[in-house]
Amino acid sequence: FFFVDQKYEIFQDMNNHLEAVLKEKRTLRQRLIKPRCQDNLPVEAPYHKYIVELLTEAVAFIEKLESHLQTVRSSPQIPTLMKDMDTALTKTEVLVRDLEELTEQILKWREVQKEVHSD
């Protein structure tokens, strides 16, 4: 019966708490509905300038933080990106060599055409 008495006391405490919450239900609901953004913090006039500077710094910090977080998120992808860049560089070098060969062929063909027209 000792354990039953303990459980009974716990349930009684919970019941009393819930009754108190129900009594304050109306005020709690009004407090929850009221938007928090309309609360004003009392700041003395001499400190207004510092609050504005603080908010400016906070916005700059958040912008930089987003940039840094994006960099950190992309860090695991760096090896893959480097490999893709190496592949792209190799392909570009091959295309440059092909373009140089094609340019030489065009110049040779132009010389041959000049000789044919001059004859």
N, C-alpha and C. Protein backbone atom coordinates (compact mmCIF):
# COMPACT_ATOMS: atom_id res chain seq x y z
N PHE A 1 0.80 -1.20 0.00
CA PHE A 1 0.00 0.00 0.00
C PHE A 1 0.84 1.27 0.00
N PHE A 2 2.09 1.10 0.41
CA PHE A 2 2.98 2.27 0.42
C PHE A 2 3.15 2.85 -0.98
N PHE A 3 3.38 1.95 -1.99
CA PHE A 3 3.55 2.41 -3.36
C PHE A 3 2.26 3.00 -3.92
N VAL A 4 1.16 2.43 -3.50
CA VAL A 4 -0.13 2.96 -3.94
C VAL A 4 -0.33 4.36 -3.37
N ASP A 5 0.05 4.57 -2.12
CA ASP A 5 -0.06 5.90 -1.51
C ASP A 5 0.82 6.91 -2.24
N GLN A 6 2.05 6.50 -2.62
CA GLN A 6 2.95 7.41 -3.36
C GLN A 6 2.34 7.78 -4.71
N LYS A 7 1.84 6.79 -5.41
CA LYS A 7 1.23 7.07 -6.72
C LYS A 7 0.01 7.96 -6.55
N TYR A 8 -0.77 7.72 -5.52
CA TYR A 8 -1.95 8.54 -5.27
C TYR A 8 -1.55 9.99 -5.02
N GLU A 9 -0.49 10.21 -4.24
CA GLU A 9 -0.03 11.57 -3.97
C GLU A 9 0.46 12.26 -5.25
N ILE A 10 1.19 11.48 -6.08
CA ILE A 10 1.68 12.04 -7.35
C ILE A 10 0.50 12.42 -8.24
N PHE A 11 -0.48 11.54 -8.36
CA PHE A 11 -1.66 11.85 -9.17
C PHE A 11 -2.42 13.05 -8.61
N GLN A 12 -2.50 13.14 -7.29
CA GLN A 12 -3.19 14.26 -6.66
C GLN A 12 -2.46 15.57 -6.98
N ASP A 13 -1.12 15.56 -6.91
CA ASP A 13 -0.34 16.76 -7.25
C ASP A 13 -0.55 17.15 -8.71
N MET A 14 -0.53 16.16 -9.58
CA MET A 14 -0.75 16.45 -11.02
C MET A 14 -2.15 17.01 -11.23
N ASN A 15 -3.13 16.44 -10.55
CA ASN A 15 -4.50 16.91 -10.68
C ASN A 15 -4.61 18.36 -10.21
N ASN A 16 -4.00 18.68 -9.08
CA ASN A 16 -4.03 20.07 -8.58
C ASN A 16 -3.37 21.02 -9.57
N HIS A 17 -2.25 20.57 -10.15
CA HIS A 17 -1.55 21.41 -11.14
C HIS A 17 -2.43 21.65 -12.37
N LEU A 18 -3.05 20.58 -12.87
CA LEU A 18 -3.91 20.73 -14.05
C LEU A 18 -5.12 21.61 -13.76
N GLU A 19 -5.67 21.52 -12.56
CA GLU A 19 -6.79 22.39 -12.20
C GLU A 19 -6.35 23.85 -12.20
N ALA A 20 -5.14 24.10 -11.70
CA ALA A 20 -4.63 25.48 -11.69
C ALA A 20 -4.41 25.98 -13.12
N VAL A 21 -3.92 25.09 -13.97
CA VAL A 21 -3.70 25.48 -15.38
C VAL A 21 -5.03 25.79 -16.04
N LEU A 22 -6.03 24.96 -15.79
CA LEU A 22 -7.35 25.21 -16.38
C LEU A 22 -7.95 26.52 -15.89
N LYS A 23 -7.70 26.88 -14.63
CA LYS A 23 -8.20 28.14 -14.11
C LYS A 23 -7.54 29.31 -14.83
N GLU A 24 -6.26 29.14 -15.18
CA GLU A 24 -5.53 30.21 -15.86
C GLU A 24 -5.54 30.06 -17.37
N LYS A 25 -6.40 29.17 -17.86
CA LYS A 25 -6.44 28.86 -19.30
C LYS A 25 -6.66 30.12 -20.14
N ARG A 26 -7.55 30.97 -19.71
CA ARG A 26 -7.87 32.16 -20.49
C ARG A 26 -6.66 33.09 -20.59
N THR A 27 -6.00 33.34 -19.47
CA THR A 27 -4.83 34.22 -19.51
C THR A 27 -3.68 33.58 -20.26
N LEU A 28 -3.52 32.27 -20.11
CA LEU A 28 -2.47 31.58 -20.86
C LEU A 28 -2.72 31.67 -22.36
N ARG A 29 -3.97 31.46 -22.76
CA ARG A 29 -4.30 31.52 -24.18
C ARG A 29 -4.03 32.91 -24.73
N GLN A 30 -4.39 33.94 -23.98
CA GLN A 30 -4.13 35.31 -24.44
C GLN A 30 -2.63 35.57 -24.54
N ARG A 31 -1.85 35.07 -23.59
CA ARG A 31 -0.40 35.26 -23.65
C ARG A 31 0.20 34.52 -24.84
N LEU A 32 -0.33 33.33 -25.15
CA LEU A 32 0.21 32.57 -26.28
C LEU A 32 -0.18 33.18 -27.62
N ILE A 33 -1.36 33.77 -27.68
CA ILE A 33 -1.81 34.37 -28.94
C ILE A 33 -1.08 35.67 -29.24
N LYS A 34 -0.73 36.40 -28.19
CA LYS A 34 -0.08 37.70 -28.37
C LYS A 34 1.29 37.51 -29.05
N PRO A 35 1.52 38.19 -30.17
CA PRO A 35 2.82 38.04 -30.84
C PRO A 35 3.95 38.60 -29.98
N ARG A 36 5.04 37.87 -29.94
CA ARG A 36 6.17 38.27 -29.13
C ARG A 36 6.93 39.45 -29.74
N CYS A 37 6.81 39.62 -31.05
CA CYS A 37 7.58 40.68 -31.71
C CYS A 37 7.10 42.07 -31.32
N GLN A 38 5.93 42.17 -30.72
CA GLN A 38 5.44 43.48 -30.34
C GLN A 38 5.91 43.90 -28.95
N ASP A 39 6.63 43.01 -28.30
CA ASP A 39 7.18 43.38 -27.01
C ASP A 39 8.33 44.34 -27.21
N ASN A 40 8.40 45.33 -26.37
CA ASN A 40 9.46 46.32 -26.47
C ASN A 40 10.43 46.13 -25.31
N LEU A 41 11.69 46.21 -25.63
CA LEU A 41 12.70 46.16 -24.59
C LEU A 41 13.00 47.59 -24.15
N PRO A 42 12.93 47.85 -22.86
CA PRO A 42 13.24 49.20 -22.42
C PRO A 42 14.74 49.46 -22.52
N VAL A 43 15.11 50.37 -23.42
CA VAL A 43 16.51 50.74 -23.60
C VAL A 43 16.61 52.24 -23.37
N GLU A 44 17.51 52.60 -22.52
CA GLU A 44 17.67 54.02 -22.23
C GLU A 44 18.20 54.74 -23.47
N ALA A 45 17.82 56.00 -23.62
CA ALA A 45 18.14 56.79 -24.80
C ALA A 45 19.63 56.85 -25.12
N PRO A 46 20.53 56.98 -24.14
CA PRO A 46 21.96 57.06 -24.51
C PRO A 46 22.48 55.80 -25.19
N TYR A 47 21.77 54.69 -25.03
CA TYR A 47 22.25 53.42 -25.59
C TYR A 47 21.64 53.09 -26.94
N HIS A 48 20.72 53.92 -27.44
CA HIS A 48 20.07 53.63 -28.72
C HIS A 48 21.09 53.51 -29.86
N LYS A 49 22.08 54.39 -29.87
CA LYS A 49 23.10 54.36 -30.92
C LYS A 49 23.82 53.02 -30.91
N TYR A 50 24.13 52.52 -29.72
CA TYR A 50 24.85 51.26 -29.62
C TYR A 50 23.98 50.07 -30.04
N ILE A 51 22.69 50.17 -29.77
CA ILE A 51 21.77 49.11 -30.19
C ILE A 51 21.71 49.05 -31.71
N VAL A 52 21.66 50.21 -32.37
CA VAL A 52 21.64 50.25 -33.83
C VAL A 52 22.92 49.64 -34.39
N GLU A 53 24.07 50.00 -33.80
CA GLU A 53 25.34 49.43 -34.25
C GLU A 53 25.37 47.93 -34.02
N LEU A 54 24.84 47.49 -32.89
CA LEU A 54 24.80 46.07 -32.58
C LEU A 54 23.95 45.31 -33.59
N LEU A 55 22.80 45.88 -33.94
CA LEU A 55 21.93 45.22 -34.92
C LEU A 55 22.61 45.16 -36.29
N THR A 56 23.31 46.21 -36.67
CA THR A 56 24.05 46.21 -37.94
C THR A 56 25.10 45.10 -37.93
N GLU A 57 25.83 45.02 -36.84
CA GLU A 57 26.85 43.96 -36.72
C GLU A 57 26.21 42.59 -36.72
N ALA A 58 25.05 42.45 -36.09
CA ALA A 58 24.37 41.16 -36.04
C ALA A 58 23.96 40.72 -37.44
N VAL A 59 23.44 41.66 -38.23
CA VAL A 59 23.02 41.32 -39.60
C VAL A 59 24.25 40.91 -40.42
N ALA A 60 25.33 41.66 -40.30
CA ALA A 60 26.56 41.31 -41.03
C ALA A 60 27.07 39.94 -40.58
N PHE A 61 27.02 39.67 -39.30
CA PHE A 61 27.47 38.38 -38.78
C PHE A 61 26.63 37.24 -39.35
N ILE A 62 25.31 37.44 -39.39
CA ILE A 62 24.43 36.40 -39.92
C ILE A 62 24.71 36.15 -41.39
N GLU A 63 24.95 37.21 -42.16
CA GLU A 63 25.26 37.04 -43.58
C GLU A 63 26.57 36.26 -43.75
N LYS A 64 27.59 36.63 -42.97
CA LYS A 64 28.86 35.93 -43.06
C LYS A 64 28.73 34.50 -42.57
N LEU A 65 27.92 34.29 -41.54
CA LEU A 65 27.72 32.96 -41.00
C LEU A 65 27.11 32.05 -42.05
N GLU A 66 26.12 32.56 -42.78
CA GLU A 66 25.50 31.75 -43.84
C GLU A 66 26.53 31.38 -44.90
N SER A 67 27.37 32.33 -45.27
CA SER A 67 28.41 32.06 -46.25
C SER A 67 29.38 31.00 -45.74
N HIS A 68 29.80 31.16 -44.48
CA HIS A 68 30.74 30.19 -43.90
C HIS A 68 30.10 28.80 -43.77
N LEU A 69 28.84 28.76 -43.39
CA LEU A 69 28.15 27.47 -43.28
C LEU A 69 28.05 26.79 -44.64
N GLN A 70 27.80 27.57 -45.67
CA GLN A 70 27.73 27.01 -47.01
C GLN A 70 29.09 26.45 -47.42
N THR A 71 30.16 27.16 -47.06
CA THR A 71 31.50 26.67 -47.36
C THR A 71 31.78 25.38 -46.62
N VAL A 72 31.41 25.32 -45.35
CA VAL A 72 31.64 24.11 -44.56
C VAL A 72 30.82 22.95 -45.10
N ARG A 73 29.60 23.23 -45.52
CA ARG A 73 28.76 22.16 -46.08
C ARG A 73 29.35 21.61 -47.37
N SER A 74 30.01 22.46 -48.15
CA SER A 74 30.56 22.01 -49.43
C SER A 74 31.94 21.41 -49.29
N SER A 75 32.55 21.48 -48.11
CA SER A 75 33.90 20.94 -47.91
C SER A 75 34.02 19.47 -48.27
N PRO A 76 33.09 18.60 -47.91
CA PRO A 76 33.23 17.19 -48.30
C PRO A 76 33.20 16.98 -49.80
N GLN A 77 32.68 17.93 -50.54
CA GLN A 77 32.58 17.79 -51.99
C GLN A 77 33.83 18.28 -52.71
N ILE A 78 34.77 18.87 -52.00
CA ILE A 78 35.95 19.46 -52.63
C ILE A 78 36.76 18.43 -53.42
N PRO A 79 37.04 17.23 -52.89
CA PRO A 79 37.79 16.27 -53.72
C PRO A 79 37.09 15.93 -55.03
N THR A 80 35.78 15.78 -54.98
CA THR A 80 35.03 15.49 -56.20
C THR A 80 35.11 16.66 -57.16
N LEU A 81 34.97 17.87 -56.63
CA LEU A 81 35.05 19.06 -57.48
C LEU A 81 36.44 19.20 -58.11
N MET A 82 37.47 18.92 -57.33
CA MET A 82 38.84 19.00 -57.86
C MET A 82 39.03 17.97 -58.98
N LYS A 83 38.52 16.76 -58.78
CA LYS A 83 38.63 15.74 -59.82
C LYS A 83 37.89 16.16 -61.08
N ASP A 84 36.71 16.75 -60.90
CA ASP A 84 35.95 17.24 -62.06
C ASP A 84 36.70 18.36 -62.77
N MET A 85 37.34 19.25 -61.99
CA MET A 85 38.11 20.34 -62.59
C MET A 85 39.32 19.79 -63.35
N ASP A 86 39.99 18.77 -62.80
CA ASP A 86 41.12 18.16 -63.50
C ASP A 86 40.66 17.53 -64.81
N THR A 87 39.52 16.86 -64.78
CA THR A 87 38.97 16.25 -65.99
C THR A 87 38.64 17.32 -67.02
N ALA A 88 38.02 18.41 -66.57
CA ALA A 88 37.68 19.50 -67.48
C ALA A 88 38.94 20.14 -68.06
N LEU A 89 39.98 20.29 -67.23
CA LEU A 89 41.24 20.86 -67.71
C LEU A 89 41.87 19.96 -68.77
N THR A 90 41.85 18.66 -68.54
CA THR A 90 42.40 17.72 -69.51
C THR A 90 41.64 17.79 -70.83
N LYS A 91 40.32 17.83 -70.74
CA LYS A 91 39.50 17.93 -71.96
C LYS A 91 39.79 19.23 -72.69
N THR A 92 39.97 20.33 -71.94
CA THR A 92 40.28 21.61 -72.56
C THR A 92 41.62 21.57 -73.27
N GLU A 93 42.62 20.95 -72.63
CA GLU A 93 43.93 20.82 -73.27
C GLU A 93 43.84 20.01 -74.55
N VAL A 94 43.06 18.94 -74.56
CA VAL A 94 42.88 18.14 -75.77
C VAL A 94 42.22 18.97 -76.85
N LEU A 95 41.20 19.73 -76.49
CA LEU A 95 40.52 20.58 -77.47
C LEU A 95 41.46 21.65 -78.02
N VAL A 96 42.34 22.21 -77.17
CA VAL A 96 43.29 23.21 -77.64
C VAL A 96 44.25 22.59 -78.65
N ARG A 97 44.75 21.37 -78.34
CA ARG A 97 45.65 20.70 -79.30
C ARG A 97 44.93 20.43 -80.62
N ASP A 98 43.69 19.95 -80.54
CA ASP A 98 42.93 19.70 -81.77
C ASP A 98 42.71 20.99 -82.55
N LEU A 99 42.44 22.08 -81.85
CA LEU A 99 42.24 23.36 -82.52
C LEU A 99 43.52 23.83 -83.19
N GLU A 100 44.67 23.64 -82.52
CA GLU A 100 45.95 24.03 -83.12
C GLU A 100 46.22 23.21 -84.38
N GLU A 101 45.96 21.90 -84.33
CA GLU A 101 46.15 21.06 -85.52
C GLU A 101 45.22 21.48 -86.65
N LEU A 102 43.99 21.79 -86.30
CA LEU A 102 43.03 22.22 -87.32
C LEU A 102 43.46 23.56 -87.92
N THR A 103 43.98 24.46 -87.10
CA THR A 103 44.47 25.74 -87.59
C THR A 103 45.62 25.54 -88.57
N GLU A 104 46.55 24.65 -88.21
CA GLU A 104 47.67 24.36 -89.12
C GLU A 104 47.17 23.79 -90.44
N GLN A 105 46.20 22.90 -90.38
CA GLN A 105 45.65 22.31 -91.62
C GLN A 105 44.97 23.38 -92.47
N ILE A 106 44.25 24.30 -91.83
CA ILE A 106 43.57 25.37 -92.58
C ILE A 106 44.61 26.27 -93.24
N LEU A 107 45.69 26.60 -92.49
CA LEU A 107 46.74 27.44 -93.08
C LEU A 107 47.41 26.75 -94.26
N LYS A 108 47.68 25.45 -94.15
CA LYS A 108 48.27 24.70 -95.26
C LYS A 108 47.32 24.67 -96.45
N TRP A 109 46.04 24.44 -96.19
CA TRP A 109 45.06 24.40 -97.26
C TRP A 109 44.98 25.76 -97.95
N ARG A 110 45.06 26.85 -97.16
CA ARG A 110 45.04 28.19 -97.73
C ARG A 110 46.24 28.41 -98.65
N GLU A 111 47.41 27.96 -98.21
CA GLU A 111 48.62 28.09 -99.04
C GLU A 111 48.44 27.31 -100.34
N VAL A 112 47.91 26.10 -100.24
CA VAL A 112 47.69 25.30 -101.46
C VAL A 112 46.71 26.01 -102.37
N GLN A 113 45.65 26.58 -101.84
CA GLN A 113 44.68 27.28 -102.66
C GLN A 113 45.27 28.51 -103.32
N LYS A 114 46.16 29.20 -102.61
CA LYS A 114 46.84 30.37 -103.21
C LYS A 114 47.70 29.92 -104.38
N GLU A 115 48.42 28.81 -104.19
CA GLU A 115 49.27 28.32 -105.28
C GLU A 115 48.45 27.89 -106.47
N VAL A 116 47.31 27.26 -106.24
CA VAL A 116 46.46 26.81 -107.35
C VAL A 116 45.90 28.02 -108.08
N HIS A 117 45.49 29.04 -107.40
CA HIS A 117 44.94 30.21 -108.05
C HIS A 117 46.01 31.03 -108.76
N SER A 118 47.21 31.04 -108.27
CA SER A 118 48.27 31.79 -108.93
C SER A 118 48.75 31.08 -110.18
N ASP A 119 48.61 29.77 -110.27
CA ASP A 119 49.01 29.06 -111.48
C ASP A 119 47.96 29.30 -112.52
